[in-house]
Amino acid sequence: MVAAKAVRLLLLDVDGVLTDGRLFLSDSGEEFKAFHSRDGHGIKMLMATGVGVGLITGRRSQVVQRRADDLGITLVVQGCHDKRAAVGRLLQEQGVAASEAAFMGDDVIDLPAMESVGLAVAVADAHPLVRARARWVTEHNGGQGAVREVCELVMRAQGTLDGQLGCAYQGECSWAGG
């Protein structure tokens, strides 16, 4: 895929993309989310090739910041309700053209951001309008390996996937652990 070959920055929604979209709240107000380790491995592999990764989410959560920190993601925008503007700001800050960015979403709030980049991706269980407007729809649902799928799509298009898989197999990667 030509658009995937050009990607220098992958931007992700969180709830419904990195997670399955469910929110677990305790009586004391703590929030819990489940993240798939394969998505984490995919993100680390992709970042090891020089492609940046960022998170843009409408909610604010310490859990999201902790996951970003665990993965080495420094581009994190939380409490964002104008995702198109956030994408534009991150592209400018990172010196990346819109055609060199991808955005992965699952719901209608993500559409403006998806429409502002070169590669719009929807998870398999995204809202029908989001799937219809995406350039690529994953086979996996959000929170179930969809992000890994897109990371591998980009690496395959850029010719870096085999090297990352080989380094993981040999146990020689500095990014190990997801």
N, C-alpha and C. Protein backbone atom coordinates (compact mmCIF):
# COMPACT_ATOMS: atom_id res chain seq x y z
N MET A 1 0.84 -1.17 0.00
CA MET A 1 0.00 0.00 0.00
C MET A 1 0.89 1.24 0.00
N VAL A 2 0.70 2.10 -0.98
CA VAL A 2 1.53 3.28 -1.17
C VAL A 2 1.46 4.21 0.04
N ALA A 3 0.26 4.46 0.57
CA ALA A 3 0.11 5.38 1.70
C ALA A 3 0.88 4.88 2.92
N ALA A 4 0.91 3.58 3.15
CA ALA A 4 1.61 3.02 4.31
C ALA A 4 3.12 3.20 4.17
N LYS A 5 3.61 3.16 2.95
CA LYS A 5 5.05 3.32 2.72
C LYS A 5 5.53 4.71 3.13
N ALA A 6 4.65 5.70 3.02
CA ALA A 6 5.02 7.09 3.31
C ALA A 6 4.90 7.46 4.79
N VAL A 7 4.32 6.60 5.61
CA VAL A 7 4.01 6.96 7.00
C VAL A 7 5.28 7.20 7.82
N ARG A 8 5.34 8.39 8.42
CA ARG A 8 6.41 8.74 9.37
C ARG A 8 5.86 8.93 10.77
N LEU A 9 4.51 9.03 10.89
CA LEU A 9 3.88 9.24 12.18
C LEU A 9 2.54 8.52 12.21
N LEU A 10 2.37 7.63 13.18
CA LEU A 10 1.12 6.91 13.39
C LEU A 10 0.45 7.48 14.63
N LEU A 11 -0.75 8.01 14.46
CA LEU A 11 -1.52 8.58 15.56
C LEU A 11 -2.70 7.67 15.87
N LEU A 12 -2.92 7.42 17.15
CA LEU A 12 -3.92 6.45 17.58
C LEU A 12 -4.92 7.07 18.54
N ASP A 13 -6.20 6.77 18.32
CA ASP A 13 -7.19 6.98 19.37
C ASP A 13 -6.88 5.90 20.42
N VAL A 14 -7.41 6.04 21.61
CA VAL A 14 -7.13 5.05 22.65
C VAL A 14 -8.32 4.13 22.88
N ASP A 15 -9.43 4.67 23.40
CA ASP A 15 -10.59 3.82 23.72
C ASP A 15 -11.24 3.31 22.44
N GLY A 16 -11.23 2.01 22.26
CA GLY A 16 -11.77 1.39 21.06
C GLY A 16 -10.72 1.05 20.02
N VAL A 17 -9.49 1.53 20.21
CA VAL A 17 -8.39 1.23 19.30
C VAL A 17 -7.30 0.48 20.05
N LEU A 18 -6.68 1.13 21.03
CA LEU A 18 -5.71 0.44 21.89
C LEU A 18 -6.40 -0.43 22.93
N THR A 19 -7.66 -0.12 23.22
CA THR A 19 -8.46 -0.94 24.13
C THR A 19 -9.69 -1.41 23.37
N ASP A 20 -10.47 -2.28 24.00
CA ASP A 20 -11.70 -2.73 23.35
C ASP A 20 -12.84 -1.74 23.53
N GLY A 21 -12.56 -0.62 24.15
CA GLY A 21 -13.56 0.43 24.31
C GLY A 21 -14.30 0.39 25.63
N ARG A 22 -14.17 -0.70 26.36
CA ARG A 22 -14.87 -0.78 27.65
C ARG A 22 -14.09 -0.01 28.70
N LEU A 23 -14.82 0.60 29.62
CA LEU A 23 -14.22 1.33 30.73
C LEU A 23 -14.63 0.64 32.01
N PHE A 24 -13.66 0.34 32.85
CA PHE A 24 -13.92 -0.29 34.14
C PHE A 24 -13.66 0.75 35.22
N LEU A 25 -14.68 1.03 36.03
CA LEU A 25 -14.56 2.02 37.08
C LEU A 25 -14.82 1.36 38.43
N SER A 26 -13.96 1.65 39.39
CA SER A 26 -14.14 1.10 40.74
C SER A 26 -15.05 2.04 41.54
N ASP A 27 -15.51 1.56 42.67
CA ASP A 27 -16.33 2.38 43.56
C ASP A 27 -15.59 3.63 44.00
N SER A 28 -14.28 3.54 44.09
CA SER A 28 -13.49 4.69 44.53
C SER A 28 -13.13 5.64 43.38
N GLY A 29 -13.60 5.32 42.18
CA GLY A 29 -13.37 6.20 41.04
C GLY A 29 -12.15 5.86 40.20
N GLU A 30 -11.45 4.79 40.55
CA GLU A 30 -10.30 4.38 39.75
C GLU A 30 -10.78 3.85 38.40
N GLU A 31 -10.01 4.14 37.37
CA GLU A 31 -10.33 3.68 36.03
C GLU A 31 -9.34 2.60 35.63
N PHE A 32 -9.86 1.55 35.01
CA PHE A 32 -9.03 0.44 34.54
C PHE A 32 -9.27 0.24 33.06
N LYS A 33 -8.22 -0.08 32.33
CA LYS A 33 -8.31 -0.39 30.90
C LYS A 33 -7.41 -1.59 30.63
N ALA A 34 -7.77 -2.37 29.65
CA ALA A 34 -6.95 -3.51 29.25
C ALA A 34 -6.30 -3.20 27.91
N PHE A 35 -4.99 -3.38 27.84
CA PHE A 35 -4.23 -3.17 26.61
C PHE A 35 -3.65 -4.50 26.17
N HIS A 36 -3.60 -4.73 24.87
CA HIS A 36 -3.07 -5.99 24.34
C HIS A 36 -1.55 -5.88 24.18
N SER A 37 -0.84 -6.86 24.71
CA SER A 37 0.63 -6.81 24.65
C SER A 37 1.14 -6.85 23.21
N ARG A 38 0.43 -7.52 22.30
CA ARG A 38 0.89 -7.55 20.91
C ARG A 38 0.86 -6.16 20.28
N ASP A 39 -0.14 -5.36 20.67
CA ASP A 39 -0.16 -3.97 20.18
C ASP A 39 1.07 -3.23 20.68
N GLY A 40 1.42 -3.45 21.94
CA GLY A 40 2.61 -2.81 22.51
C GLY A 40 3.88 -3.22 21.78
N HIS A 41 4.00 -4.50 21.48
CA HIS A 41 5.18 -4.97 20.73
C HIS A 41 5.21 -4.33 19.35
N GLY A 42 4.07 -4.25 18.69
CA GLY A 42 4.01 -3.63 17.37
C GLY A 42 4.44 -2.18 17.40
N ILE A 43 3.96 -1.44 18.41
CA ILE A 43 4.33 -0.04 18.56
C ILE A 43 5.83 0.09 18.77
N LYS A 44 6.39 -0.73 19.63
CA LYS A 44 7.84 -0.65 19.89
C LYS A 44 8.65 -1.01 18.64
N MET A 45 8.21 -2.02 17.90
CA MET A 45 8.91 -2.37 16.66
C MET A 45 8.86 -1.20 15.69
N LEU A 46 7.67 -0.62 15.52
CA LEU A 46 7.51 0.48 14.57
C LEU A 46 8.38 1.67 14.98
N MET A 47 8.38 2.01 16.24
CA MET A 47 9.19 3.13 16.72
C MET A 47 10.68 2.85 16.52
N ALA A 48 11.09 1.60 16.63
CA ALA A 48 12.49 1.24 16.43
C ALA A 48 12.94 1.48 14.99
N THR A 49 11.99 1.53 14.06
CA THR A 49 12.33 1.81 12.66
C THR A 49 12.37 3.30 12.36
N GLY A 50 12.04 4.12 13.35
CA GLY A 50 12.07 5.57 13.15
C GLY A 50 10.72 6.21 12.91
N VAL A 51 9.67 5.41 12.87
CA VAL A 51 8.32 5.96 12.71
C VAL A 51 7.82 6.39 14.09
N GLY A 52 7.32 7.60 14.19
CA GLY A 52 6.79 8.10 15.45
C GLY A 52 5.40 7.58 15.72
N VAL A 53 5.03 7.54 16.99
CA VAL A 53 3.69 7.10 17.40
C VAL A 53 3.17 8.09 18.43
N GLY A 54 1.90 8.46 18.29
CA GLY A 54 1.27 9.37 19.24
C GLY A 54 -0.14 8.92 19.57
N LEU A 55 -0.63 9.39 20.71
CA LEU A 55 -1.98 9.07 21.18
C LEU A 55 -2.80 10.34 21.26
N ILE A 56 -4.02 10.29 20.75
CA ILE A 56 -4.96 11.40 20.85
C ILE A 56 -6.28 10.82 21.35
N THR A 57 -6.71 11.25 22.54
CA THR A 57 -7.91 10.67 23.13
C THR A 57 -8.81 11.74 23.73
N GLY A 58 -10.09 11.50 23.67
CA GLY A 58 -11.06 12.43 24.22
C GLY A 58 -11.15 12.40 25.73
N ARG A 59 -10.72 11.32 26.33
CA ARG A 59 -10.77 11.18 27.79
C ARG A 59 -9.43 11.56 28.40
N ARG A 60 -9.45 11.78 29.70
CA ARG A 60 -8.22 11.99 30.47
C ARG A 60 -8.08 10.82 31.42
N SER A 61 -6.91 10.21 31.42
CA SER A 61 -6.73 9.03 32.26
C SER A 61 -5.26 8.83 32.60
N GLN A 62 -4.99 8.61 33.87
CA GLN A 62 -3.62 8.30 34.28
C GLN A 62 -3.17 6.97 33.68
N VAL A 63 -4.13 6.08 33.45
CA VAL A 63 -3.81 4.78 32.87
C VAL A 63 -3.22 4.95 31.47
N VAL A 64 -3.79 5.87 30.69
CA VAL A 64 -3.29 6.12 29.34
C VAL A 64 -1.87 6.66 29.40
N GLN A 65 -1.62 7.61 30.29
CA GLN A 65 -0.27 8.16 30.41
C GLN A 65 0.72 7.09 30.84
N ARG A 66 0.30 6.23 31.74
CA ARG A 66 1.20 5.15 32.18
C ARG A 66 1.53 4.21 31.03
N ARG A 67 0.51 3.85 30.22
CA ARG A 67 0.76 2.97 29.08
C ARG A 67 1.69 3.66 28.08
N ALA A 68 1.46 4.94 27.84
CA ALA A 68 2.33 5.69 26.93
C ALA A 68 3.77 5.68 27.45
N ASP A 69 3.93 5.93 28.74
CA ASP A 69 5.27 5.92 29.34
C ASP A 69 5.92 4.54 29.20
N ASP A 70 5.15 3.48 29.44
CA ASP A 70 5.68 2.12 29.32
C ASP A 70 6.20 1.84 27.91
N LEU A 71 5.52 2.41 26.91
CA LEU A 71 5.88 2.15 25.52
C LEU A 71 6.87 3.17 24.95
N GLY A 72 7.17 4.21 25.72
CA GLY A 72 8.08 5.24 25.22
C GLY A 72 7.41 6.24 24.30
N ILE A 73 6.10 6.35 24.37
CA ILE A 73 5.35 7.30 23.54
C ILE A 73 5.32 8.64 24.26
N THR A 74 5.89 9.66 23.63
CA THR A 74 5.93 10.99 24.25
C THR A 74 4.86 11.93 23.69
N LEU A 75 4.29 11.59 22.55
CA LEU A 75 3.24 12.43 21.95
C LEU A 75 1.89 11.95 22.47
N VAL A 76 1.37 12.61 23.48
CA VAL A 76 0.11 12.21 24.11
C VAL A 76 -0.77 13.44 24.28
N VAL A 77 -1.96 13.40 23.68
CA VAL A 77 -2.94 14.47 23.83
C VAL A 77 -4.19 13.85 24.45
N GLN A 78 -4.52 14.28 25.67
CA GLN A 78 -5.69 13.75 26.37
C GLN A 78 -6.73 14.86 26.55
N GLY A 79 -7.98 14.46 26.75
CA GLY A 79 -9.07 15.41 26.93
C GLY A 79 -9.32 16.23 25.68
N CYS A 80 -9.10 15.63 24.52
CA CYS A 80 -9.16 16.33 23.24
C CYS A 80 -10.50 16.08 22.55
N HIS A 81 -11.19 17.16 22.21
CA HIS A 81 -12.46 17.01 21.51
C HIS A 81 -12.40 17.55 20.09
N ASP A 82 -11.27 18.13 19.70
CA ASP A 82 -11.04 18.54 18.32
C ASP A 82 -9.79 17.81 17.84
N LYS A 83 -10.00 16.57 17.45
CA LYS A 83 -8.86 15.72 17.08
C LYS A 83 -8.18 16.18 15.80
N ARG A 84 -8.93 16.81 14.89
CA ARG A 84 -8.31 17.34 13.67
C ARG A 84 -7.26 18.40 14.04
N ALA A 85 -7.63 19.30 14.94
CA ALA A 85 -6.69 20.35 15.37
C ALA A 85 -5.48 19.74 16.07
N ALA A 86 -5.71 18.72 16.89
CA ALA A 86 -4.60 18.06 17.58
C ALA A 86 -3.66 17.40 16.58
N VAL A 87 -4.22 16.77 15.56
CA VAL A 87 -3.39 16.16 14.51
C VAL A 87 -2.55 17.24 13.84
N GLY A 88 -3.19 18.34 13.45
CA GLY A 88 -2.47 19.43 12.79
C GLY A 88 -1.33 19.97 13.64
N ARG A 89 -1.58 20.13 14.92
CA ARG A 89 -0.56 20.64 15.84
C ARG A 89 0.62 19.66 15.93
N LEU A 90 0.31 18.36 16.08
CA LEU A 90 1.38 17.35 16.18
C LEU A 90 2.18 17.26 14.89
N LEU A 91 1.50 17.33 13.75
CA LEU A 91 2.21 17.28 12.47
C LEU A 91 3.18 18.45 12.36
N GLN A 92 2.71 19.63 12.74
CA GLN A 92 3.57 20.81 12.67
C GLN A 92 4.75 20.67 13.63
N GLU A 93 4.48 20.26 14.86
CA GLU A 93 5.55 20.11 15.85
C GLU A 93 6.60 19.09 15.42
N GLN A 94 6.15 18.02 14.75
CA GLN A 94 7.06 16.94 14.37
C GLN A 94 7.66 17.13 12.98
N GLY A 95 7.21 18.15 12.25
CA GLY A 95 7.71 18.38 10.90
C GLY A 95 7.31 17.29 9.93
N VAL A 96 6.08 16.79 10.09
CA VAL A 96 5.57 15.70 9.26
C VAL A 96 4.43 16.23 8.40
N ALA A 97 4.44 15.92 7.11
CA ALA A 97 3.35 16.30 6.22
C ALA A 97 2.14 15.42 6.48
N ALA A 98 0.95 15.94 6.21
CA ALA A 98 -0.28 15.16 6.40
C ALA A 98 -0.23 13.86 5.62
N SER A 99 0.36 13.89 4.44
CA SER A 99 0.45 12.68 3.61
C SER A 99 1.38 11.63 4.20
N GLU A 100 2.18 12.03 5.20
CA GLU A 100 3.12 11.11 5.85
C GLU A 100 2.62 10.63 7.20
N ALA A 101 1.34 10.87 7.47
CA ALA A 101 0.77 10.48 8.76
C ALA A 101 -0.40 9.53 8.56
N ALA A 102 -0.63 8.72 9.59
CA ALA A 102 -1.79 7.83 9.63
C ALA A 102 -2.53 8.11 10.93
N PHE A 103 -3.84 7.95 10.89
CA PHE A 103 -4.65 8.05 12.11
C PHE A 103 -5.55 6.83 12.15
N MET A 104 -5.62 6.23 13.32
CA MET A 104 -6.40 5.01 13.52
C MET A 104 -7.51 5.31 14.52
N GLY A 105 -8.77 5.11 14.09
CA GLY A 105 -9.89 5.41 14.95
C GLY A 105 -10.97 4.36 14.92
N ASP A 106 -12.01 4.60 15.73
CA ASP A 106 -13.10 3.64 15.83
C ASP A 106 -14.48 4.27 15.86
N ASP A 107 -14.58 5.59 16.11
CA ASP A 107 -15.90 6.20 16.25
C ASP A 107 -15.96 7.52 15.50
N VAL A 108 -17.15 8.07 15.38
CA VAL A 108 -17.35 9.26 14.54
C VAL A 108 -16.53 10.46 14.99
N ILE A 109 -16.21 10.56 16.27
CA ILE A 109 -15.36 11.66 16.74
C ILE A 109 -13.97 11.61 16.11
N ASP A 110 -13.59 10.46 15.59
CA ASP A 110 -12.27 10.29 14.97
C ASP A 110 -12.25 10.67 13.49
N LEU A 111 -13.41 10.81 12.87
CA LEU A 111 -13.46 11.06 11.43
C LEU A 111 -12.70 12.31 10.99
N PRO A 112 -12.87 13.46 11.65
CA PRO A 112 -12.10 14.64 11.19
C PRO A 112 -10.59 14.39 11.21
N ALA A 113 -10.09 13.71 12.21
CA ALA A 113 -8.66 13.40 12.27
C ALA A 113 -8.28 12.44 11.16
N MET A 114 -9.10 11.43 10.94
CA MET A 114 -8.82 10.45 9.90
C MET A 114 -8.78 11.11 8.52
N GLU A 115 -9.66 12.07 8.31
CA GLU A 115 -9.74 12.74 7.00
C GLU A 115 -8.62 13.75 6.79
N SER A 116 -7.82 14.01 7.82
CA SER A 116 -6.77 15.02 7.70
C SER A 116 -5.38 14.42 7.48
N VAL A 117 -5.30 13.10 7.29
CA VAL A 117 -4.00 12.44 7.11
C VAL A 117 -3.99 11.60 5.83
N GLY A 118 -2.82 11.11 5.48
CA GLY A 118 -2.68 10.32 4.26
C GLY A 118 -3.23 8.92 4.35
N LEU A 119 -3.22 8.33 5.55
CA LEU A 119 -3.71 6.96 5.72
C LEU A 119 -4.69 6.92 6.89
N ALA A 120 -5.97 6.78 6.56
CA ALA A 120 -7.03 6.68 7.56
C ALA A 120 -7.33 5.21 7.79
N VAL A 121 -7.23 4.78 9.05
CA VAL A 121 -7.42 3.38 9.41
C VAL A 121 -8.54 3.25 10.42
N ALA A 122 -9.40 2.25 10.22
CA ALA A 122 -10.46 1.93 11.18
C ALA A 122 -10.26 0.52 11.69
N VAL A 123 -10.59 0.31 12.96
CA VAL A 123 -10.56 -1.05 13.50
C VAL A 123 -11.77 -1.81 12.97
N ALA A 124 -11.69 -3.13 12.99
CA ALA A 124 -12.75 -3.97 12.42
C ALA A 124 -14.11 -3.70 13.03
N ASP A 125 -14.16 -3.41 14.33
CA ASP A 125 -15.44 -3.19 14.99
C ASP A 125 -15.78 -1.70 15.14
N ALA A 126 -15.21 -0.87 14.27
CA ALA A 126 -15.51 0.56 14.29
C ALA A 126 -16.95 0.81 13.85
N HIS A 127 -17.42 2.01 14.15
CA HIS A 127 -18.74 2.44 13.69
C HIS A 127 -18.78 2.32 12.16
N PRO A 128 -19.92 1.93 11.58
CA PRO A 128 -20.01 1.75 10.13
C PRO A 128 -19.56 2.97 9.31
N LEU A 129 -19.86 4.18 9.76
CA LEU A 129 -19.42 5.37 9.03
C LEU A 129 -17.90 5.49 9.01
N VAL A 130 -17.28 5.10 10.10
CA VAL A 130 -15.82 5.16 10.19
C VAL A 130 -15.20 4.12 9.27
N ARG A 131 -15.74 2.92 9.28
CA ARG A 131 -15.22 1.88 8.37
C ARG A 131 -15.39 2.30 6.92
N ALA A 132 -16.51 2.93 6.59
CA ALA A 132 -16.78 3.33 5.21
C ALA A 132 -15.81 4.40 4.71
N ARG A 133 -15.34 5.24 5.60
CA ARG A 133 -14.46 6.34 5.19
C ARG A 133 -12.97 6.01 5.35
N ALA A 134 -12.67 4.88 5.92
CA ALA A 134 -11.27 4.50 6.12
C ALA A 134 -10.66 4.00 4.82
N ARG A 135 -9.38 4.24 4.68
CA ARG A 135 -8.64 3.69 3.54
C ARG A 135 -8.26 2.24 3.81
N TRP A 136 -8.12 1.90 5.08
CA TRP A 136 -7.77 0.55 5.50
C TRP A 136 -8.59 0.18 6.71
N VAL A 137 -9.18 -1.01 6.71
CA VAL A 137 -9.92 -1.52 7.87
C VAL A 137 -9.20 -2.78 8.34
N THR A 138 -8.87 -2.82 9.62
CA THR A 138 -8.14 -3.97 10.16
C THR A 138 -9.01 -5.21 10.21
N GLU A 139 -8.38 -6.35 10.30
CA GLU A 139 -9.10 -7.61 10.51
C GLU A 139 -9.41 -7.81 11.99
N HIS A 140 -8.60 -7.20 12.85
CA HIS A 140 -8.77 -7.35 14.30
C HIS A 140 -9.59 -6.20 14.88
N ASN A 141 -10.31 -6.49 15.94
CA ASN A 141 -11.06 -5.47 16.66
C ASN A 141 -10.11 -4.62 17.49
N GLY A 142 -10.61 -3.48 17.92
CA GLY A 142 -9.85 -2.61 18.81
C GLY A 142 -9.50 -3.35 20.09
N GLY A 143 -8.28 -3.15 20.56
CA GLY A 143 -7.82 -3.79 21.79
C GLY A 143 -7.50 -5.26 21.63
N GLN A 144 -7.56 -5.76 20.41
CA GLN A 144 -7.33 -7.19 20.16
C GLN A 144 -6.26 -7.43 19.09
N GLY A 145 -5.31 -6.52 18.99
CA GLY A 145 -4.23 -6.70 18.02
C GLY A 145 -4.36 -5.86 16.77
N ALA A 146 -5.35 -4.97 16.69
CA ALA A 146 -5.53 -4.14 15.50
C ALA A 146 -4.36 -3.19 15.29
N VAL A 147 -3.84 -2.63 16.37
CA VAL A 147 -2.71 -1.71 16.25
C VAL A 147 -1.48 -2.45 15.74
N ARG A 148 -1.23 -3.63 16.23
CA ARG A 148 -0.10 -4.44 15.75
C ARG A 148 -0.24 -4.68 14.25
N GLU A 149 -1.46 -4.96 13.82
CA GLU A 149 -1.72 -5.20 12.40
C GLU A 149 -1.30 -3.99 11.56
N VAL A 150 -1.63 -2.80 12.01
CA VAL A 150 -1.28 -1.59 11.27
C VAL A 150 0.22 -1.32 11.34
N CYS A 151 0.81 -1.55 12.49
CA CYS A 151 2.27 -1.39 12.60
C CYS A 151 2.97 -2.30 11.60
N GLU A 152 2.52 -3.53 11.50
CA GLU A 152 3.13 -4.46 10.55
C GLU A 152 2.84 -4.07 9.11
N LEU A 153 1.66 -3.52 8.83
CA LEU A 153 1.33 -3.02 7.50
C LEU A 153 2.34 -1.95 7.08
N VAL A 154 2.59 -1.01 7.96
CA VAL A 154 3.53 0.07 7.67
C VAL A 154 4.95 -0.48 7.50
N MET A 155 5.38 -1.33 8.42
CA MET A 155 6.74 -1.89 8.31
C MET A 155 6.90 -2.74 7.05
N ARG A 156 5.88 -3.50 6.70
CA ARG A 156 5.95 -4.32 5.48
C ARG A 156 6.10 -3.40 4.26
N ALA A 157 5.31 -2.34 4.21
CA ALA A 157 5.36 -1.40 3.08
C ALA A 157 6.71 -0.71 3.00
N GLN A 158 7.33 -0.48 4.14
CA GLN A 158 8.61 0.23 4.19
C GLN A 158 9.82 -0.71 4.15
N GLY A 159 9.56 -2.01 4.12
CA GLY A 159 10.64 -2.98 4.02
C GLY A 159 11.41 -3.21 5.31
N THR A 160 10.80 -2.91 6.45
CA THR A 160 11.49 -3.06 7.73
C THR A 160 10.93 -4.18 8.61
N LEU A 161 9.85 -4.80 8.20
CA LEU A 161 9.19 -5.80 9.04
C LEU A 161 10.08 -7.01 9.30
N ASP A 162 10.67 -7.56 8.26
CA ASP A 162 11.48 -8.77 8.45
C ASP A 162 12.63 -8.54 9.43
N GLY A 163 13.25 -7.38 9.35
CA GLY A 163 14.34 -7.07 10.26
C GLY A 163 13.87 -7.00 11.71
N GLN A 164 12.70 -6.41 11.94
CA GLN A 164 12.18 -6.30 13.30
C GLN A 164 11.75 -7.67 13.83
N LEU A 165 11.11 -8.47 12.99
CA LEU A 165 10.70 -9.80 13.43
C LEU A 165 11.92 -10.68 13.70
N GLY A 166 12.94 -10.54 12.85
CA GLY A 166 14.16 -11.32 13.03
C GLY A 166 14.89 -10.94 14.30
N CYS A 167 14.96 -9.67 14.59
CA CYS A 167 15.64 -9.23 15.81
C CYS A 167 14.86 -9.71 17.03
N ALA A 168 13.54 -9.73 16.95
CA ALA A 168 12.73 -10.23 18.08
C ALA A 168 12.97 -11.73 18.26
N TYR A 169 13.00 -12.46 17.15
CA TYR A 169 13.20 -13.91 17.21
C TYR A 169 14.56 -14.24 17.82
N GLN A 170 15.56 -13.46 17.47
CA GLN A 170 16.92 -13.69 17.97
C GLN A 170 17.13 -13.14 19.37
N GLY A 171 16.14 -12.40 19.88
CA GLY A 171 16.28 -11.80 21.21
C GLY A 171 17.29 -10.68 21.26
N GLU A 172 17.44 -9.97 20.14
CA GLU A 172 18.47 -8.94 20.03
C GLU A 172 17.90 -7.53 19.97
N CYS A 173 16.62 -7.36 20.25
CA CYS A 173 16.00 -6.04 20.13
C CYS A 173 16.07 -5.27 21.43
N SER A 174 16.40 -4.01 21.32
CA SER A 174 16.43 -3.15 22.51
C SER A 174 15.03 -2.79 22.98
N TRP A 175 14.03 -2.96 22.10
CA TRP A 175 12.66 -2.57 22.42
C TRP A 175 11.86 -3.68 23.09
N ALA A 176 12.41 -4.84 23.28
CA ALA A 176 11.65 -6.02 23.75
C ALA A 176 10.76 -5.69 24.94
N GLY A 177 9.58 -6.27 24.90
CA GLY A 177 8.58 -6.07 25.95
C GLY A 177 7.52 -5.11 25.48
N GLY A 178 6.24 -5.54 25.58
CA GLY A 178 5.18 -4.68 25.07
C GLY A 178 4.11 -4.49 26.05
